[in-house]
Amino acid sequence: MKKSQAYVTRGAPAARALPEWEPPPPAPRVPHPSALAPADLPRDRGMAGPVGAYEVPPLSRAVDASLQALAERLRGAPLDDAEAALDALLPPAERHRVAVEALEGGRIVLAVRREDRFRYARLLAPRLRAALAPAHGPLDIRLIER
């Protein structure tokens, strides 16, 4: 069977108008800071002196003291808060069955015995989360077996 010639075109293809492509303009060249003269470098007007910036000793001492206080707070406080909350929530006979392994990044890891895991997940975890939420925000409690 012969195909119809109605769909066969003869001659040159129709010319399509393509837009002219222009490269983007070059970015302005910024000299490296080492190539700038000292007078052209940005200055902090609050600390600028005749030969450069001065260190402010009271500010330096305050920053060091605040960083040391923050390090001390982060070192033992979260674990101490969790231990104190467990002491308040559990009777002394059951307190030795739960140990706080870690409290960091919004997650508490508690080590419990295998037989107590389900009970503490249902009863202790919500109460511990509620007790620590005001100081540490929303927490995720993970129970591991020891």
Protein backbone atom coordinates (compact mmCIF):
# COMPACT_ATOMS: atom_id res chain seq x y z
CA MET A 1 0.00 0.00 0.00
CA LYS A 2 1.33 3.37 -1.06
CA LYS A 3 1.41 6.27 1.35
CA SER A 4 -0.32 9.48 0.43
CA GLN A 5 1.83 12.34 -0.83
CA ALA A 6 -0.33 14.92 0.95
CA TYR A 7 1.95 14.93 3.97
CA VAL A 8 5.23 15.11 2.13
CA THR A 9 6.69 18.60 1.85
CA ARG A 10 9.00 19.63 -0.88
CA GLY A 11 11.40 22.47 -0.71
CA ALA A 12 13.31 24.27 2.02
CA PRO A 13 12.13 24.15 5.61
CA ALA A 14 10.46 27.25 6.98
CA ALA A 15 12.91 29.63 8.59
CA ARG A 16 12.47 30.11 12.31
CA ALA A 17 13.34 33.37 13.94
CA LEU A 18 15.70 32.63 16.84
CA PRO A 19 16.40 35.36 19.37
CA GLU A 20 19.88 36.75 19.38
CA TRP A 21 21.87 35.54 22.38
CA GLU A 22 23.87 38.14 24.16
CA PRO A 23 26.32 37.26 26.90
CA PRO A 24 25.66 38.90 30.27
CA PRO A 25 27.74 41.98 31.05
CA PRO A 26 30.93 41.22 32.98
CA ALA A 27 30.79 41.66 36.74
CA PRO A 28 32.64 44.67 38.11
CA ARG A 29 36.10 43.71 39.29
CA VAL A 30 36.59 44.12 43.02
CA PRO A 31 40.22 44.29 44.12
CA HIS A 32 41.42 41.86 46.75
CA PRO A 33 41.59 43.46 50.24
CA SER A 34 45.37 43.03 50.29
CA ALA A 35 45.59 45.23 47.17
CA LEU A 36 43.69 48.10 48.82
CA ALA A 37 45.40 50.92 50.60
CA PRO A 38 44.84 50.99 54.38
CA ALA A 39 42.71 54.11 54.04
CA ASP A 40 40.34 52.27 51.66
CA LEU A 41 39.68 49.34 54.00
CA PRO A 42 36.33 49.31 55.84
CA ARG A 43 36.52 50.67 59.36
CA ASP A 44 34.48 50.24 62.47
CA ARG A 45 34.08 53.83 63.63
CA GLY A 46 33.32 52.75 67.19
CA MET A 47 36.71 51.12 67.69
CA ALA A 48 38.92 52.86 65.13
CA GLY A 49 42.12 54.43 66.36
CA PRO A 50 44.94 56.22 64.59
CA VAL A 51 46.72 52.94 63.78
CA GLY A 52 43.82 50.48 63.78
CA ALA A 53 41.19 48.99 66.05
CA TYR A 54 41.71 48.91 69.79
CA GLU A 55 40.72 46.00 72.01
CA VAL A 56 38.32 47.03 74.74
CA PRO A 57 39.50 45.21 77.91
CA PRO A 58 36.16 45.31 79.82
CA LEU A 59 34.36 43.90 76.79
CA SER A 60 36.97 41.16 76.38
CA ARG A 61 36.67 40.17 80.04
CA ALA A 62 32.87 40.11 79.83
CA VAL A 63 32.94 37.85 76.77
CA ASP A 64 35.39 35.45 78.42
CA ALA A 65 33.37 35.34 81.65
CA SER A 66 30.08 34.77 79.84
CA LEU A 67 31.55 31.95 77.70
CA GLN A 68 32.97 30.25 80.80
CA ALA A 69 29.62 30.56 82.60
CA LEU A 70 27.84 29.09 79.60
CA ALA A 71 30.29 26.18 79.44
CA GLU A 72 29.75 25.48 83.15
CA ARG A 73 25.99 25.58 82.71
CA LEU A 74 26.06 23.22 79.75
CA ARG A 75 28.52 20.83 81.39
CA GLY A 76 26.41 19.49 84.26
CA ALA A 77 23.12 21.32 84.56
CA PRO A 78 20.92 19.41 82.09
CA LEU A 79 21.83 16.04 83.55
CA ASP A 80 21.37 17.37 87.07
CA ASP A 81 17.92 18.70 86.13
CA ALA A 82 16.90 15.32 84.71
CA GLU A 83 18.22 13.46 87.76
CA ALA A 84 16.36 15.82 90.12
CA ALA A 85 13.14 15.38 88.13
CA LEU A 86 13.48 11.59 88.29
CA ASP A 87 14.09 11.78 92.05
CA ALA A 88 10.85 13.75 92.43
CA LEU A 89 8.77 11.54 90.12
CA LEU A 90 9.84 8.08 91.27
CA PRO A 91 9.68 6.52 94.72
CA PRO A 92 13.09 5.66 96.19
CA ALA A 93 12.48 1.91 95.73
CA GLU A 94 12.14 2.37 91.95
CA ARG A 95 14.62 5.18 91.43
CA HIS A 96 17.61 2.85 91.12
CA ARG A 97 15.96 1.19 88.06
CA VAL A 98 16.34 4.32 85.87
CA ALA A 99 19.61 6.03 84.91
CA VAL A 100 20.02 9.17 82.79
CA GLU A 101 22.56 8.45 80.06
CA ALA A 102 22.48 11.74 78.11
CA LEU A 103 20.51 14.95 77.61
CA GLU A 104 21.51 16.86 74.51
CA GLY A 105 19.87 18.41 71.49
CA GLY A 106 16.34 18.01 72.85
CA ARG A 107 16.69 14.27 73.50
CA ILE A 108 16.92 12.44 76.83
CA VAL A 109 18.32 8.93 76.84
CA LEU A 110 17.25 6.84 79.83
CA ALA A 111 18.67 3.42 80.60
CA VAL A 112 16.06 1.04 82.06
CA ARG A 113 15.64 -2.67 82.59
CA ARG A 114 13.97 -4.66 79.83
CA GLU A 115 10.93 -5.58 81.95
CA ASP A 116 10.33 -1.92 82.91
CA ARG A 117 10.63 -0.40 79.46
CA PHE A 118 6.94 -0.50 78.49
CA ARG A 119 5.73 0.76 81.89
CA TYR A 120 8.17 3.67 82.00
CA ALA A 121 7.43 4.59 78.37
CA ARG A 122 3.72 4.89 79.25
CA LEU A 123 3.87 6.34 82.75
CA LEU A 124 7.23 8.00 83.40
CA ALA A 125 8.10 9.52 80.01
CA PRO A 126 5.11 11.92 79.76
CA ARG A 127 5.56 13.12 83.35
CA LEU A 128 9.31 13.60 82.89
CA ARG A 129 8.72 15.48 79.62
CA ALA A 130 6.23 17.78 81.37
CA ALA A 131 8.59 18.37 84.31
CA LEU A 132 11.56 19.33 82.12
CA ALA A 133 9.69 21.27 79.40
CA PRO A 134 9.79 24.69 81.14
CA ALA A 135 13.58 24.63 81.44
CA HIS A 136 14.60 22.69 78.31
CA GLY A 137 11.70 23.05 75.86
CA PRO A 138 10.06 20.14 74.06
CA LEU A 139 12.02 16.93 74.60
CA ASP A 140 12.17 13.53 72.97
CA ILE A 141 12.64 10.68 75.45
CA ARG A 142 14.40 7.51 74.31
CA LEU A 143 14.54 4.43 76.50
CA ILE A 144 17.39 1.96 76.09
CA GLU A 145 17.90 -1.34 77.84
CA ARG A 146 20.80 -1.89 80.16
